[in-house]
Amino acid sequence: MLESIATSIQQFIADVGYPGLLVLIILESTLVPVPSMLVMPFAGYLASTGTLSLPLVLLVNAAGAAIGSTLSYLLGVYAGAPFLEKYGKWFLIKHEDIVRTHDFFAKYGTKTIFFARFLPVVRHVISVPAGIARMRFPTFLGLTIAGATAWGGGLIVMGYELGARWESIAKQAKKVDLAIAALIVVTIAYFAYRFLAKRKRERAAAAAAVTPDAR
């Protein structure tokens, strides 16, 4: 499965060039789980062969991350927040939860956005809650580009320096990435379960408190 995905990605980049690389990085910066471990190092490898230009590949990486993350950010601003304000109660999400999200990004947003680029799963979704929290866009965009340059740019340079050896190392690194992703998903599921269980207890307690009055 991983081999097939890697081959398809490599063929797409080789056939389409910079526009194909841009599309993949834009998708990788949205909710689409494009494996950066198999995109950026290969682009760096192509730069080492002279097929692509390293400075242009690095520029495409920064531009793609900025575009994709901005789309997700806007999704959070114009769809996420209004949706949760209107329908959040059906998901046991209260207005106070949105306020806490806003407060979290106001306090920890600079660190969160930058370091999220290094974490599988998180880097695909972090821009949406940043939009919901209405994090200042210039700050968000600057940190996104900085994080993407450090993460994606590092992978590109790795592929450039490793040359033909990039694939074997990238595949091993991808396995580690998948293991971390699985751990993050399990952790998120655990806290989501605790959150929903707490909300259900609160609703049950509120209903029990109202029942005597109703009688």
C-alpha atoms as a PDB file:
ATOM      1  CA  MET A   1       0.000   0.000   0.000  1.00  0.00           C
ATOM      2  CA  LEU A   2       2.700   2.483   1.035  1.00  0.00           C
ATOM      3  CA  GLU A   3       4.788   1.429  -1.968  1.00  0.00           C
ATOM      4  CA  SER A   4       1.871   2.104  -4.335  1.00  0.00           C
ATOM      5  CA  ILE A   5       1.211   5.536  -2.812  1.00  0.00           C
ATOM      6  CA  ALA A   6       4.895   6.449  -3.000  1.00  0.00           C
ATOM      7  CA  THR A   7       5.096   5.396  -6.660  1.00  0.00           C
ATOM      8  CA  SER A   8       1.975   7.380  -7.592  1.00  0.00           C
ATOM      9  CA  ILE A   9       3.247  10.495  -5.825  1.00  0.00           C
ATOM     10  CA  GLN A  10       6.670  10.261  -7.434  1.00  0.00           C
ATOM     11  CA  GLN A  11       5.160   9.765 -10.894  1.00  0.00           C
ATOM     12  CA  PHE A  12       2.819  12.721 -10.427  1.00  0.00           C
ATOM     13  CA  ILE A  13       5.634  15.061  -9.397  1.00  0.00           C
ATOM     14  CA  ALA A  14       7.918  13.795 -12.169  1.00  0.00           C
ATOM     15  CA  ASP A  15       5.194  14.239 -14.825  1.00  0.00           C
ATOM     16  CA  VAL A  16       3.690  17.564 -13.733  1.00  0.00           C
ATOM     17  CA  GLY A  17       6.715  19.245 -12.138  1.00  0.00           C
ATOM     18  CA  TYR A  18       6.344  22.395 -10.046  1.00  0.00           C
ATOM     19  CA  PRO A  19       2.523  22.701 -10.463  1.00  0.00           C
ATOM     20  CA  GLY A  20       2.094  19.087  -9.318  1.00  0.00           C
ATOM     21  CA  LEU A  21       4.373  19.652  -6.340  1.00  0.00           C
ATOM     22  CA  LEU A  22       2.427  22.817  -5.466  1.00  0.00           C
ATOM     23  CA  VAL A  23      -0.898  20.954  -5.568  1.00  0.00           C
ATOM     24  CA  LEU A  24       0.392  18.171  -3.316  1.00  0.00           C
ATOM     25  CA  ILE A  25       1.802  20.612  -0.754  1.00  0.00           C
ATOM     26  CA  ILE A  26      -1.433  22.637  -0.772  1.00  0.00           C
ATOM     27  CA  LEU A  27      -3.379  19.430  -0.089  1.00  0.00           C
ATOM     28  CA  GLU A  28      -0.855  18.389   2.571  1.00  0.00           C
ATOM     29  CA  SER A  29      -1.546  21.677   4.350  1.00  0.00           C
ATOM     30  CA  THR A  30      -5.309  21.114   4.388  1.00  0.00           C
ATOM     31  CA  LEU A  31      -7.366  18.230   5.734  1.00  0.00           C
ATOM     32  CA  VAL A  32      -6.081  15.863   3.026  1.00  0.00           C
ATOM     33  CA  PRO A  33      -3.483  13.479   4.530  1.00  0.00           C
ATOM     34  CA  VAL A  34      -0.864  13.692   1.777  1.00  0.00           C
ATOM     35  CA  PRO A  35       2.338  12.089   3.176  1.00  0.00           C
ATOM     36  CA  SER A  36       4.951  14.853   3.278  1.00  0.00           C
ATOM     37  CA  MET A  37       7.633  12.244   4.006  1.00  0.00           C
ATOM     38  CA  LEU A  38       7.116  10.943   0.469  1.00  0.00           C
ATOM     39  CA  VAL A  39       6.674  14.304  -1.263  1.00  0.00           C
ATOM     40  CA  MET A  40       9.338  16.706  -0.026  1.00  0.00           C
ATOM     41  CA  PRO A  41      12.385  14.368  -0.009  1.00  0.00           C
ATOM     42  CA  PHE A  42      11.572  13.207  -3.543  1.00  0.00           C
ATOM     43  CA  ALA A  43      11.332  16.817  -4.715  1.00  0.00           C
ATOM     44  CA  GLY A  44      14.731  17.420  -3.116  1.00  0.00           C
ATOM     45  CA  TYR A  45      16.106  14.359  -4.892  1.00  0.00           C
ATOM     46  CA  LEU A  46      14.838  15.669  -8.256  1.00  0.00           C
ATOM     47  CA  ALA A  47      16.589  18.957  -7.477  1.00  0.00           C
ATOM     48  CA  SER A  48      19.827  17.051  -6.860  1.00  0.00           C
ATOM     49  CA  THR A  49      19.562  15.510 -10.347  1.00  0.00           C
ATOM     50  CA  GLY A  50      18.954  18.903 -11.963  1.00  0.00           C
ATOM     51  CA  THR A  51      15.368  18.051 -12.926  1.00  0.00           C
ATOM     52  CA  LEU A  52      14.081  20.732 -10.567  1.00  0.00           C
ATOM     53  CA  SER A  53      15.687  23.784  -8.982  1.00  0.00           C
ATOM     54  CA  LEU A  54      16.284  23.588  -5.212  1.00  0.00           C
ATOM     55  CA  PRO A  55      15.481  27.295  -4.568  1.00  0.00           C
ATOM     56  CA  LEU A  56      12.250  26.983  -6.583  1.00  0.00           C
ATOM     57  CA  VAL A  57      11.274  23.772  -4.790  1.00  0.00           C
ATOM     58  CA  LEU A  58      11.772  25.517  -1.433  1.00  0.00           C
ATOM     59  CA  LEU A  59       9.712  28.471  -2.672  1.00  0.00           C
ATOM     60  CA  VAL A  60       6.923  26.143  -3.882  1.00  0.00           C
ATOM     61  CA  ASN A  61       6.944  24.439  -0.479  1.00  0.00           C
ATOM     62  CA  ALA A  62       6.448  27.738   1.360  1.00  0.00           C
ATOM     63  CA  ALA A  63       3.800  28.937  -1.110  1.00  0.00           C
ATOM     64  CA  GLY A  64       1.886  25.652  -1.025  1.00  0.00           C
ATOM     65  CA  ALA A  65       1.858  25.568   2.772  1.00  0.00           C
ATOM     66  CA  ALA A  66       0.688  29.181   2.906  1.00  0.00           C
ATOM     67  CA  ILE A  67      -2.146  28.591   0.409  1.00  0.00           C
ATOM     68  CA  GLY A  68      -3.341  25.294   1.890  1.00  0.00           C
ATOM     69  CA  SER A  69      -3.192  26.496   5.479  1.00  0.00           C
ATOM     70  CA  THR A  70      -4.988  29.721   4.571  1.00  0.00           C
ATOM     71  CA  LEU A  71      -7.828  27.730   2.999  1.00  0.00           C
ATOM     72  CA  SER A  72      -8.185  25.689   6.198  1.00  0.00           C
ATOM     73  CA  TYR A  73      -7.945  28.846   8.318  1.00  0.00           C
ATOM     74  CA  LEU A  74     -10.744  30.472   6.301  1.00  0.00           C
ATOM     75  CA  LEU A  75     -12.792  27.307   6.673  1.00  0.00           C
ATOM     76  CA  GLY A  76     -12.497  27.740  10.424  1.00  0.00           C
ATOM     77  CA  VAL A  77     -13.389  31.443  10.257  1.00  0.00           C
ATOM     78  CA  TYR A  78     -16.367  31.325   7.895  1.00  0.00           C
ATOM     79  CA  ALA A  79     -17.716  27.815   8.398  1.00  0.00           C
ATOM     80  CA  GLY A  80     -16.296  26.330  11.594  1.00  0.00           C
ATOM     81  CA  ALA A  81     -17.122  29.029  14.132  1.00  0.00           C
ATOM     82  CA  PRO A  82     -20.624  29.901  12.828  1.00  0.00           C
ATOM     83  CA  PHE A  83     -21.453  26.194  12.483  1.00  0.00           C
ATOM     84  CA  LEU A  84     -20.369  25.417  16.043  1.00  0.00           C
ATOM     85  CA  GLU A  85     -22.169  28.462  17.435  1.00  0.00           C
ATOM     86  CA  LYS A  86     -25.389  27.375  15.749  1.00  0.00           C
ATOM     87  CA  TYR A  87     -25.225  23.587  15.860  1.00  0.00           C
ATOM     88  CA  GLY A  88     -22.544  22.900  18.463  1.00  0.00           C
ATOM     89  CA  LYS A  89     -25.148  21.882  21.045  1.00  0.00           C
ATOM     90  CA  TRP A  90     -25.934  18.805  18.971  1.00  0.00           C
ATOM     91  CA  PHE A  91     -22.289  17.781  19.362  1.00  0.00           C
ATOM     92  CA  LEU A  92     -22.277  18.694  23.068  1.00  0.00           C
ATOM     93  CA  ILE A  93     -20.098  21.728  22.309  1.00  0.00           C
ATOM     94  CA  LYS A  94     -20.997  24.901  24.167  1.00  0.00           C
ATOM     95  CA  HIS A  95     -20.153  28.536  23.507  1.00  0.00           C
ATOM     96  CA  GLU A  96     -17.707  28.345  26.428  1.00  0.00           C
ATOM     97  CA  ASP A  97     -15.714  25.696  24.528  1.00  0.00           C
ATOM     98  CA  ILE A  98     -15.289  28.057  21.589  1.00  0.00           C
ATOM     99  CA  VAL A  99     -14.220  30.813  23.966  1.00  0.00           C
ATOM    100  CA  ARG A 100     -11.636  28.465  25.524  1.00  0.00           C
ATOM    101  CA  THR A 101     -10.314  27.649  22.043  1.00  0.00           C
ATOM    102  CA  HIS A 102      -9.963  31.376  21.391  1.00  0.00           C
ATOM    103  CA  ASP A 103      -8.160  31.878  24.700  1.00  0.00           C
ATOM    104  CA  PHE A 104      -5.840  28.935  24.021  1.00  0.00           C
ATOM    105  CA  PHE A 105      -4.698  30.337  20.677  1.00  0.00           C
ATOM    106  CA  ALA A 106      -4.367  33.811  22.164  1.00  0.00           C
ATOM    107  CA  LYS A 107      -1.991  32.375  24.772  1.00  0.00           C
ATOM    108  CA  TYR A 108      -0.226  29.491  23.025  1.00  0.00           C
ATOM    109  CA  GLY A 109      -0.998  30.091  19.340  1.00  0.00           C
ATOM    110  CA  THR A 110       2.510  31.115  18.301  1.00  0.00           C
ATOM    111  CA  LYS A 111       4.077  27.900  19.598  1.00  0.00           C
ATOM    112  CA  THR A 112       1.174  25.704  18.533  1.00  0.00           C
ATOM    113  CA  ILE A 113       1.070  26.775  14.881  1.00  0.00           C
ATOM    114  CA  PHE A 114       4.837  26.521  14.428  1.00  0.00           C
ATOM    115  CA  PHE A 115       5.424  23.158  16.102  1.00  0.00           C
ATOM    116  CA  ALA A 116       2.236  21.623  14.682  1.00  0.00           C
ATOM    117  CA  ARG A 117       4.020  21.420  11.315  1.00  0.00           C
ATOM    118  CA  PHE A 118       6.273  18.721  12.781  1.00  0.00           C
ATOM    119  CA  LEU A 119       3.431  16.467  13.964  1.00  0.00           C
ATOM    120  CA  PRO A 120       1.507  14.040  11.741  1.00  0.00           C
ATOM    121  CA  VAL A 121      -2.287  14.449  11.767  1.00  0.00           C
ATOM    122  CA  VAL A 122      -1.979  17.703  13.737  1.00  0.00           C
ATOM    123  CA  ARG A 123      -0.328  19.573  10.864  1.00  0.00           C
ATOM    124  CA  HIS A 124      -3.298  18.730   8.609  1.00  0.00           C
ATOM    125  CA  VAL A 125      -5.980  20.092  10.952  1.00  0.00           C
ATOM    126  CA  ILE A 126      -4.401  22.781  13.143  1.00  0.00           C
ATOM    127  CA  SER A 127      -5.305  25.660  10.806  1.00  0.00           C
ATOM    128  CA  VAL A 128      -9.049  25.061  11.252  1.00  0.00           C
ATOM    129  CA  PRO A 129      -9.150  25.658  15.034  1.00  0.00           C
ATOM    130  CA  ALA A 130      -6.817  28.625  14.499  1.00  0.00           C
ATOM    131  CA  GLY A 131      -9.489  30.070  12.199  1.00  0.00           C
ATOM    132  CA  ILE A 132     -12.270  29.238  14.654  1.00  0.00           C
ATOM    133  CA  ALA A 133     -10.298  31.087  17.349  1.00  0.00           C
ATOM    134  CA  ARG A 134      -9.818  34.025  14.956  1.00  0.00           C
ATOM    135  CA  MET A 135      -6.070  34.020  15.510  1.00  0.00           C
ATOM    136  CA  ARG A 136      -4.526  37.121  13.915  1.00  0.00           C
ATOM    137  CA  PHE A 137      -4.027  36.164  10.274  1.00  0.00           C
ATOM    138  CA  PRO A 138      -0.617  37.849   9.731  1.00  0.00           C
ATOM    139  CA  THR A 139       0.721  36.025  12.803  1.00  0.00           C
ATOM    140  CA  PHE A 140      -0.848  32.755  11.681  1.00  0.00           C
ATOM    141  CA  LEU A 141       0.529  33.053   8.150  1.00  0.00           C
ATOM    142  CA  GLY A 142       4.031  34.031   9.282  1.00  0.00           C
ATOM    143  CA  LEU A 143       4.269  31.121  11.718  1.00  0.00           C
ATOM    144  CA  THR A 144       2.829  28.724   9.146  1.00  0.00           C
ATOM    145  CA  ILE A 145       5.450  29.688   6.580  1.00  0.00           C
ATOM    146  CA  ALA A 146       8.202  29.492   9.205  1.00  0.00           C
ATOM    147  CA  GLY A 147       7.066  26.054  10.382  1.00  0.00           C
ATOM    148  CA  ALA A 148       6.599  24.766   6.842  1.00  0.00           C
ATOM    149  CA  THR A 149      10.037  26.037   5.852  1.00  0.00           C
ATOM    150  CA  ALA A 150      11.646  24.326   8.840  1.00  0.00           C
ATOM    151  CA  TRP A 151       9.762  21.027   8.367  1.00  0.00           C
ATOM    152  CA  GLY A 152       9.149  20.732   4.631  1.00  0.00           C
ATOM    153  CA  GLY A 153      12.309  22.626   3.726  1.00  0.00           C
ATOM    154  CA  GLY A 154      14.315  20.316   5.966  1.00  0.00           C
ATOM    155  CA  LEU A 155      12.878  17.256   4.215  1.00  0.00           C
ATOM    156  CA  ILE A 156      13.605  18.782   0.819  1.00  0.00           C
ATOM    157  CA  VAL A 157      17.219  19.508   1.723  1.00  0.00           C
ATOM    158  CA  MET A 158      17.516  15.986   3.147  1.00  0.00           C
ATOM    159  CA  GLY A 159      16.374  14.537  -0.176  1.00  0.00           C
ATOM    160  CA  TYR A 160      18.768  16.833  -2.000  1.00  0.00           C
ATOM    161  CA  GLU A 161      21.735  15.772   0.123  1.00  0.00           C
ATOM    162  CA  LEU A 162      20.902  12.066   0.168  1.00  0.00           C
ATOM    163  CA  GLY A 163      20.337  11.808  -3.553  1.00  0.00           C
ATOM    164  CA  ALA A 164      19.234   8.342  -4.649  1.00  0.00           C
ATOM    165  CA  ARG A 165      19.353   7.127  -1.034  1.00  0.00           C
ATOM    166  CA  TRP A 166      16.427   9.371  -0.072  1.00  0.00           C
ATOM    167  CA  GLU A 167      13.736   6.739  -0.641  1.00  0.00           C
ATOM    168  CA  SER A 168      14.939   4.045   1.740  1.00  0.00           C
ATOM    169  CA  ILE A 169      15.450   6.566   4.553  1.00  0.00           C
ATOM    170  CA  ALA A 170      12.169   8.370   3.856  1.00  0.00           C
ATOM    171  CA  LYS A 171      10.218   5.108   3.973  1.00  0.00           C
ATOM    172  CA  GLN A 172      11.687   4.229   7.354  1.00  0.00           C
ATOM    173  CA  ALA A 173      10.932   7.744   8.600  1.00  0.00           C
ATOM    174  CA  LYS A 174       7.389   7.420   7.250  1.00  0.00           C
ATOM    175  CA  LYS A 175       6.839   4.318   9.390  1.00  0.00           C
ATOM    176  CA  VAL A 176       7.829   6.343  12.446  1.00  0.00           C
ATOM    177  CA  ASP A 177       5.521   9.124  11.258  1.00  0.00           C
ATOM    178  CA  LEU A 178       2.641   6.654  10.984  1.00  0.00           C
ATOM    179  CA  ALA A 179       3.322   5.296  14.465  1.00  0.00           C
ATOM    180  CA  ILE A 180       3.261   8.817  15.907  1.00  0.00           C
ATOM    181  CA  ALA A 181       0.086   9.539  13.943  1.00  0.00           C
ATOM    182  CA  ALA A 182      -1.603   6.457  15.384  1.00  0.00           C
ATOM    183  CA  LEU A 183      -0.617   7.513  18.904  1.00  0.00           C
ATOM    184  CA  ILE A 184      -1.981  11.020  18.325  1.00  0.00           C
ATOM    185  CA  VAL A 185      -5.266   9.660  16.939  1.00  0.00           C
ATOM    186  CA  VAL A 186      -5.692   7.381  19.963  1.00  0.00           C
ATOM    187  CA  THR A 187      -4.923  10.283  22.304  1.00  0.00           C
ATOM    188  CA  ILE A 188      -7.410  12.563  20.543  1.00  0.00           C
ATOM    189  CA  ALA A 189     -10.062   9.825  20.659  1.00  0.00           C
ATOM    190  CA  TYR A 190      -9.459   9.354  24.391  1.00  0.00           C
ATOM    191  CA  PHE A 191      -9.856  13.045  25.212  1.00  0.00           C
ATOM    192  CA  ALA A 192     -12.865  13.314  22.876  1.00  0.00           C
ATOM    193  CA  TYR A 193     -14.472  10.433  24.772  1.00  0.00           C
ATOM    194  CA  ARG A 194     -13.774  12.123  28.110  1.00  0.00           C
ATOM    195  CA  PHE A 195     -15.126  15.420  26.789  1.00  0.00           C
ATOM    196  CA  LEU A 196     -18.355  13.849  25.510  1.00  0.00           C
ATOM    197  CA  ALA A 197     -18.805  11.801  28.690  1.00  0.00           C
ATOM    198  CA  LYS A 198     -18.418  14.949  30.798  1.00  0.00           C
ATOM    199  CA  ARG A 199     -20.959  16.808  28.655  1.00  0.00           C
ATOM    200  CA  LYS A 200     -23.458  13.947  29.003  1.00  0.00           C
ATOM    201  CA  ARG A 201     -23.037  13.951  32.792  1.00  0.00           C
ATOM    202  CA  GLU A 202     -23.584  17.714  32.856  1.00  0.00           C
ATOM    203  CA  ARG A 203     -26.747  17.413  30.777  1.00  0.00           C
ATOM    204  CA  ALA A 204     -28.036  14.568  32.954  1.00  0.00           C
ATOM    205  CA  ALA A 205     -27.347  16.608  36.105  1.00  0.00           C
ATOM    206  CA  ALA A 206     -29.077  19.646  34.637  1.00  0.00           C
ATOM    207  CA  ALA A 207     -32.099  17.553  33.659  1.00  0.00           C
ATOM    208  CA  ALA A 208     -32.274  16.028  37.153  1.00  0.00           C
ATOM    209  CA  ALA A 209     -32.171  19.498  38.703  1.00  0.00           C
ATOM    210  CA  VAL A 210     -35.022  20.749  36.514  1.00  0.00           C
ATOM    211  CA  THR A 211     -37.275  17.686  36.990  1.00  0.00           C
ATOM    212  CA  PRO A 212     -38.479  18.501  40.562  1.00  0.00           C
ATOM    213  CA  ASP A 213     -39.492  21.980  39.445  1.00  0.00           C
ATOM    214  CA  ALA A 214     -41.345  20.560  36.474  1.00  0.00           C
ATOM    215  CA  ARG A 215     -43.474  18.492  38.802  1.00  0.00           C
END
